Amino acid sequence: MQKTKKRAAPLVATLLAALLTIPAVYALLRTNDVLFQNEPNPATVIWSAHIAMFWRLLIGTYAAGMVAPLVFTVATRDLARTIKVLSVAALVVAAMIGGQGLLLP
């Protein structure tokens, strides 16, 4: 029982980090598209399999897959520090996606 709890905590931290990575990457890619490229607003594009929003989400998912093993390794070594970093990261990602949504639609 104790071993399962010890193993579950780093896995939860890894899942949280992966879930935070997706909107962070999305916000960065959308900001890049608005400021440096001529991409249309995803809210105004008619449904398409090639819509940029889906590609940004897929790239974010890919990045989350790369982040997950790193966070798991760090979380198994120092879980408390990892949780502190993730709590700050949650606020940063919320500000990123909020700012991107308000300022760069």
N, C-alpha and C. Protein backbone atom coordinates (compact mmCIF):
# COMPACT_ATOMS: atom_id res chain seq x y z
N MET A 1 0.83 -1.20 0.00
CA MET A 1 0.00 0.00 0.00
C MET A 1 0.86 1.25 0.00
N GLN A 2 1.87 1.29 0.87
CA GLN A 2 2.74 2.46 0.98
C GLN A 2 3.54 2.67 -0.31
N LYS A 3 3.96 1.58 -0.93
CA LYS A 3 4.75 1.68 -2.15
C LYS A 3 3.90 2.25 -3.29
N THR A 4 2.62 1.90 -3.32
CA THR A 4 1.73 2.41 -4.35
C THR A 4 1.53 3.90 -4.19
N LYS A 5 1.37 4.39 -2.95
CA LYS A 5 1.22 5.81 -2.71
C LYS A 5 2.48 6.57 -3.09
N LYS A 6 3.64 5.98 -2.78
CA LYS A 6 4.90 6.63 -3.14
C LYS A 6 5.05 6.74 -4.64
N ARG A 7 4.57 5.78 -5.36
CA ARG A 7 4.68 5.76 -6.82
C ARG A 7 3.63 6.66 -7.47
N ALA A 8 2.47 6.81 -6.82
CA ALA A 8 1.38 7.58 -7.41
C ALA A 8 1.66 9.09 -7.41
N ALA A 9 2.31 9.60 -6.39
CA ALA A 9 2.54 11.04 -6.28
C ALA A 9 3.38 11.58 -7.44
N PRO A 10 4.50 10.96 -7.80
CA PRO A 10 5.24 11.46 -8.97
C PRO A 10 4.45 11.33 -10.27
N LEU A 11 3.63 10.31 -10.38
CA LEU A 11 2.81 10.16 -11.58
C LEU A 11 1.78 11.28 -11.70
N VAL A 12 1.19 11.67 -10.58
CA VAL A 12 0.23 12.77 -10.58
C VAL A 12 0.94 14.08 -10.95
N ALA A 13 2.11 14.29 -10.38
CA ALA A 13 2.89 15.50 -10.72
C ALA A 13 3.24 15.51 -12.20
N THR A 14 3.58 14.36 -12.74
CA THR A 14 3.90 14.25 -14.16
C THR A 14 2.68 14.57 -15.01
N LEU A 15 1.54 14.05 -14.65
CA LEU A 15 0.31 14.33 -15.39
C LEU A 15 -0.02 15.82 -15.35
N LEU A 16 0.12 16.44 -14.18
CA LEU A 16 -0.14 17.87 -14.07
C LEU A 16 0.81 18.69 -14.95
N ALA A 17 2.07 18.32 -14.95
CA ALA A 17 3.04 19.03 -15.77
C ALA A 17 2.72 18.88 -17.25
N ALA A 18 2.33 17.68 -17.65
CA ALA A 18 1.98 17.46 -19.05
C ALA A 18 0.74 18.27 -19.44
N LEU A 19 -0.24 18.31 -18.55
CA LEU A 19 -1.45 19.07 -18.83
C LEU A 19 -1.20 20.58 -18.85
N LEU A 20 -0.23 21.04 -18.08
CA LEU A 20 0.11 22.47 -18.11
C LEU A 20 0.93 22.83 -19.35
N THR A 21 1.64 21.87 -19.88
CA THR A 21 2.49 22.13 -21.04
C THR A 21 1.65 22.45 -22.28
N ILE A 22 0.53 21.77 -22.44
CA ILE A 22 -0.27 21.93 -23.66
C ILE A 22 -0.77 23.37 -23.84
N PRO A 23 -1.44 23.99 -22.86
CA PRO A 23 -1.87 25.37 -23.08
C PRO A 23 -0.71 26.36 -23.13
N ALA A 24 0.39 26.06 -22.45
CA ALA A 24 1.54 26.96 -22.50
C ALA A 24 2.13 26.99 -23.91
N VAL A 25 2.29 25.83 -24.51
CA VAL A 25 2.82 25.76 -25.88
C VAL A 25 1.82 26.39 -26.85
N TYR A 26 0.54 26.15 -26.64
CA TYR A 26 -0.48 26.75 -27.51
C TYR A 26 -0.36 28.27 -27.47
N ALA A 27 -0.27 28.85 -26.27
CA ALA A 27 -0.19 30.31 -26.14
C ALA A 27 1.07 30.85 -26.81
N LEU A 28 2.19 30.16 -26.64
CA LEU A 28 3.43 30.60 -27.29
C LEU A 28 3.33 30.54 -28.81
N LEU A 29 2.78 29.46 -29.33
CA LEU A 29 2.65 29.32 -30.78
C LEU A 29 1.66 30.33 -31.36
N ARG A 30 0.56 30.57 -30.66
CA ARG A 30 -0.43 31.54 -31.13
C ARG A 30 0.15 32.94 -31.11
N THR A 31 0.91 33.27 -30.07
CA THR A 31 1.57 34.58 -29.99
C THR A 31 2.55 34.74 -31.14
N ASN A 32 3.31 33.70 -31.43
CA ASN A 32 4.23 33.75 -32.55
C ASN A 32 3.48 33.97 -33.86
N ASP A 33 2.36 33.28 -34.04
CA ASP A 33 1.59 33.42 -35.27
C ASP A 33 1.04 34.84 -35.44
N VAL A 34 0.56 35.41 -34.35
CA VAL A 34 -0.03 36.75 -34.43
C VAL A 34 1.04 37.81 -34.65
N LEU A 35 2.15 37.71 -33.94
CA LEU A 35 3.15 38.77 -34.01
C LEU A 35 4.09 38.65 -35.21
N PHE A 36 4.43 37.43 -35.61
CA PHE A 36 5.48 37.27 -36.61
C PHE A 36 5.03 36.61 -37.91
N GLN A 37 3.83 36.08 -37.96
CA GLN A 37 3.34 35.43 -39.16
C GLN A 37 1.95 35.93 -39.48
N ASN A 38 1.50 35.68 -40.67
CA ASN A 38 0.18 36.15 -41.08
C ASN A 38 -0.81 35.00 -41.03
N GLU A 39 -1.18 34.58 -39.82
CA GLU A 39 -2.14 33.49 -39.63
C GLU A 39 -3.51 34.07 -39.31
N PRO A 40 -4.57 33.47 -39.83
CA PRO A 40 -5.92 33.96 -39.51
C PRO A 40 -6.31 33.61 -38.07
N ASN A 41 -7.28 34.34 -37.59
CA ASN A 41 -7.84 34.09 -36.27
C ASN A 41 -8.58 32.75 -36.31
N PRO A 42 -8.25 31.79 -35.41
CA PRO A 42 -8.92 30.50 -35.45
C PRO A 42 -10.42 30.57 -35.22
N ALA A 43 -10.89 31.62 -34.57
CA ALA A 43 -12.32 31.74 -34.31
C ALA A 43 -13.09 32.10 -35.58
N THR A 44 -12.41 32.62 -36.59
CA THR A 44 -13.09 33.03 -37.81
C THR A 44 -12.92 32.05 -38.96
N VAL A 45 -12.12 31.02 -38.77
CA VAL A 45 -11.87 30.05 -39.83
C VAL A 45 -12.98 28.99 -39.81
N ILE A 46 -13.51 28.70 -40.99
CA ILE A 46 -14.52 27.64 -41.10
C ILE A 46 -13.82 26.31 -40.86
N TRP A 47 -14.56 25.33 -40.37
CA TRP A 47 -14.01 24.03 -40.01
C TRP A 47 -13.11 23.46 -41.10
N SER A 48 -11.94 23.01 -40.68
CA SER A 48 -11.00 22.40 -41.61
C SER A 48 -10.09 21.48 -40.81
N ALA A 49 -9.66 20.41 -41.43
CA ALA A 49 -8.73 19.49 -40.76
C ALA A 49 -7.36 20.12 -40.62
N HIS A 50 -7.10 21.17 -41.38
CA HIS A 50 -5.79 21.82 -41.36
C HIS A 50 -5.81 23.13 -40.59
N ILE A 51 -6.81 23.33 -39.77
CA ILE A 51 -6.90 24.55 -38.99
C ILE A 51 -5.70 24.64 -38.02
N ALA A 52 -5.13 25.80 -37.93
CA ALA A 52 -3.89 25.99 -37.15
C ALA A 52 -4.08 25.67 -35.68
N MET A 53 -5.27 25.89 -35.16
CA MET A 53 -5.52 25.63 -33.74
C MET A 53 -5.26 24.16 -33.40
N PHE A 54 -5.69 23.25 -34.25
CA PHE A 54 -5.48 21.83 -33.99
C PHE A 54 -4.00 21.47 -34.06
N TRP A 55 -3.29 22.09 -34.99
CA TRP A 55 -1.86 21.82 -35.08
C TRP A 55 -1.12 22.33 -33.85
N ARG A 56 -1.53 23.49 -33.35
CA ARG A 56 -0.90 24.01 -32.13
C ARG A 56 -1.17 23.08 -30.95
N LEU A 57 -2.40 22.58 -30.85
CA LEU A 57 -2.71 21.65 -29.77
C LEU A 57 -1.94 20.34 -29.91
N LEU A 58 -1.78 19.85 -31.12
CA LEU A 58 -1.01 18.63 -31.33
C LEU A 58 0.47 18.84 -31.00
N ILE A 59 1.01 19.99 -31.35
CA ILE A 59 2.40 20.29 -31.00
C ILE A 59 2.54 20.40 -29.49
N GLY A 60 1.54 21.00 -28.82
CA GLY A 60 1.55 21.07 -27.36
C GLY A 60 1.50 19.69 -26.72
N THR A 61 0.72 18.79 -27.30
CA THR A 61 0.65 17.42 -26.80
C THR A 61 1.98 16.71 -26.99
N TYR A 62 2.61 16.93 -28.12
CA TYR A 62 3.94 16.36 -28.38
C TYR A 62 4.96 16.88 -27.36
N ALA A 63 4.92 18.19 -27.10
CA ALA A 63 5.83 18.77 -26.11
C ALA A 63 5.54 18.21 -24.72
N ALA A 64 4.27 17.98 -24.40
CA ALA A 64 3.91 17.40 -23.11
C ALA A 64 4.50 16.01 -22.96
N GLY A 65 4.52 15.26 -24.06
CA GLY A 65 5.14 13.93 -24.03
C GLY A 65 6.64 13.99 -23.78
N MET A 66 7.28 15.07 -24.21
CA MET A 66 8.71 15.23 -23.94
C MET A 66 8.96 15.71 -22.52
N VAL A 67 8.04 16.50 -21.99
CA VAL A 67 8.20 17.04 -20.63
C VAL A 67 7.95 15.96 -19.58
N ALA A 68 7.03 15.05 -19.86
CA ALA A 68 6.59 14.07 -18.87
C ALA A 68 7.73 13.23 -18.27
N PRO A 69 8.61 12.63 -19.05
CA PRO A 69 9.67 11.83 -18.42
C PRO A 69 10.64 12.67 -17.59
N LEU A 70 10.86 13.90 -18.02
CA LEU A 70 11.74 14.77 -17.24
C LEU A 70 11.13 15.10 -15.88
N VAL A 71 9.84 15.44 -15.89
CA VAL A 71 9.17 15.77 -14.63
C VAL A 71 9.08 14.55 -13.73
N PHE A 72 8.83 13.38 -14.31
CA PHE A 72 8.76 12.17 -13.50
C PHE A 72 10.10 11.91 -12.81
N THR A 73 11.19 12.09 -13.53
CA THR A 73 12.52 11.88 -12.94
C THR A 73 12.77 12.87 -11.80
N VAL A 74 12.43 14.12 -12.04
CA VAL A 74 12.63 15.14 -11.00
C VAL A 74 11.70 14.89 -9.81
N ALA A 75 10.45 14.51 -10.09
CA ALA A 75 9.48 14.30 -9.01
C ALA A 75 9.85 13.10 -8.14
N THR A 76 10.47 12.08 -8.70
CA THR A 76 10.88 10.95 -7.87
C THR A 76 12.04 11.33 -6.96
N ARG A 77 12.83 12.30 -7.36
CA ARG A 77 13.96 12.73 -6.52
C ARG A 77 13.55 13.74 -5.45
N ASP A 78 12.72 14.73 -5.82
CA ASP A 78 12.31 15.76 -4.87
C ASP A 78 10.88 16.20 -5.18
N LEU A 79 9.94 15.48 -4.61
CA LEU A 79 8.52 15.72 -4.90
C LEU A 79 8.05 17.08 -4.39
N ALA A 80 8.47 17.48 -3.22
CA ALA A 80 8.01 18.76 -2.66
C ALA A 80 8.42 19.93 -3.54
N ARG A 81 9.64 19.93 -3.98
CA ARG A 81 10.12 21.01 -4.85
C ARG A 81 9.38 21.00 -6.19
N THR A 82 9.12 19.82 -6.71
CA THR A 82 8.40 19.70 -7.98
C THR A 82 7.00 20.26 -7.86
N ILE A 83 6.33 19.97 -6.77
CA ILE A 83 4.97 20.49 -6.55
C ILE A 83 4.99 22.01 -6.42
N LYS A 84 5.99 22.56 -5.75
CA LYS A 84 6.11 24.02 -5.65
C LYS A 84 6.28 24.65 -7.03
N VAL A 85 7.13 24.06 -7.84
CA VAL A 85 7.36 24.57 -9.19
C VAL A 85 6.08 24.45 -10.02
N LEU A 86 5.37 23.35 -9.88
CA LEU A 86 4.13 23.16 -10.64
C LEU A 86 3.05 24.15 -10.21
N SER A 87 3.01 24.50 -8.94
CA SER A 87 2.01 25.46 -8.49
C SER A 87 2.28 26.85 -9.08
N VAL A 88 3.54 27.22 -9.16
CA VAL A 88 3.90 28.49 -9.81
C VAL A 88 3.63 28.39 -11.31
N ALA A 89 3.97 27.25 -11.90
CA ALA A 89 3.76 27.06 -13.34
C ALA A 89 2.28 27.16 -13.70
N ALA A 90 1.40 26.69 -12.83
CA ALA A 90 -0.04 26.77 -13.09
C ALA A 90 -0.48 28.23 -13.20
N LEU A 91 0.04 29.07 -12.33
CA LEU A 91 -0.30 30.50 -12.38
C LEU A 91 0.28 31.16 -13.63
N VAL A 92 1.50 30.79 -13.98
CA VAL A 92 2.13 31.37 -15.16
C VAL A 92 1.38 30.96 -16.42
N VAL A 93 1.02 29.69 -16.51
CA VAL A 93 0.28 29.22 -17.69
C VAL A 93 -1.10 29.87 -17.76
N ALA A 94 -1.74 30.05 -16.63
CA ALA A 94 -3.04 30.73 -16.63
C ALA A 94 -2.90 32.17 -17.13
N ALA A 95 -1.85 32.85 -16.70
CA ALA A 95 -1.61 34.22 -17.17
C ALA A 95 -1.28 34.23 -18.67
N MET A 96 -0.50 33.24 -19.11
CA MET A 96 -0.15 33.17 -20.53
C MET A 96 -1.38 32.97 -21.41
N ILE A 97 -2.20 32.00 -21.07
CA ILE A 97 -3.35 31.69 -21.92
C ILE A 97 -4.40 32.80 -21.80
N GLY A 98 -4.51 33.40 -20.62
CA GLY A 98 -5.43 34.52 -20.46
C GLY A 98 -5.00 35.75 -21.25
N GLY A 99 -3.71 36.06 -21.17
CA GLY A 99 -3.16 37.18 -21.92
C GLY A 99 -3.26 36.96 -23.42
N GLN A 100 -2.96 35.76 -23.84
CA GLN A 100 -3.06 35.45 -25.27
C GLN A 100 -4.51 35.57 -25.75
N GLY A 101 -5.44 35.09 -24.95
CA GLY A 101 -6.84 35.15 -25.34
C GLY A 101 -7.38 36.57 -25.38
N LEU A 102 -6.93 37.41 -24.45
CA LEU A 102 -7.44 38.78 -24.39
C LEU A 102 -6.74 39.71 -25.36
N LEU A 103 -5.43 39.60 -25.46
CA LEU A 103 -4.65 40.54 -26.24
C LEU A 103 -4.37 40.10 -27.67
N LEU A 104 -4.32 38.80 -27.90
CA LEU A 104 -3.97 38.27 -29.22
C LEU A 104 -4.97 37.21 -29.67
N PRO A 105 -6.20 37.61 -29.91
CA PRO A 105 -7.23 36.58 -30.24
C PRO A 105 -7.01 35.88 -31.57
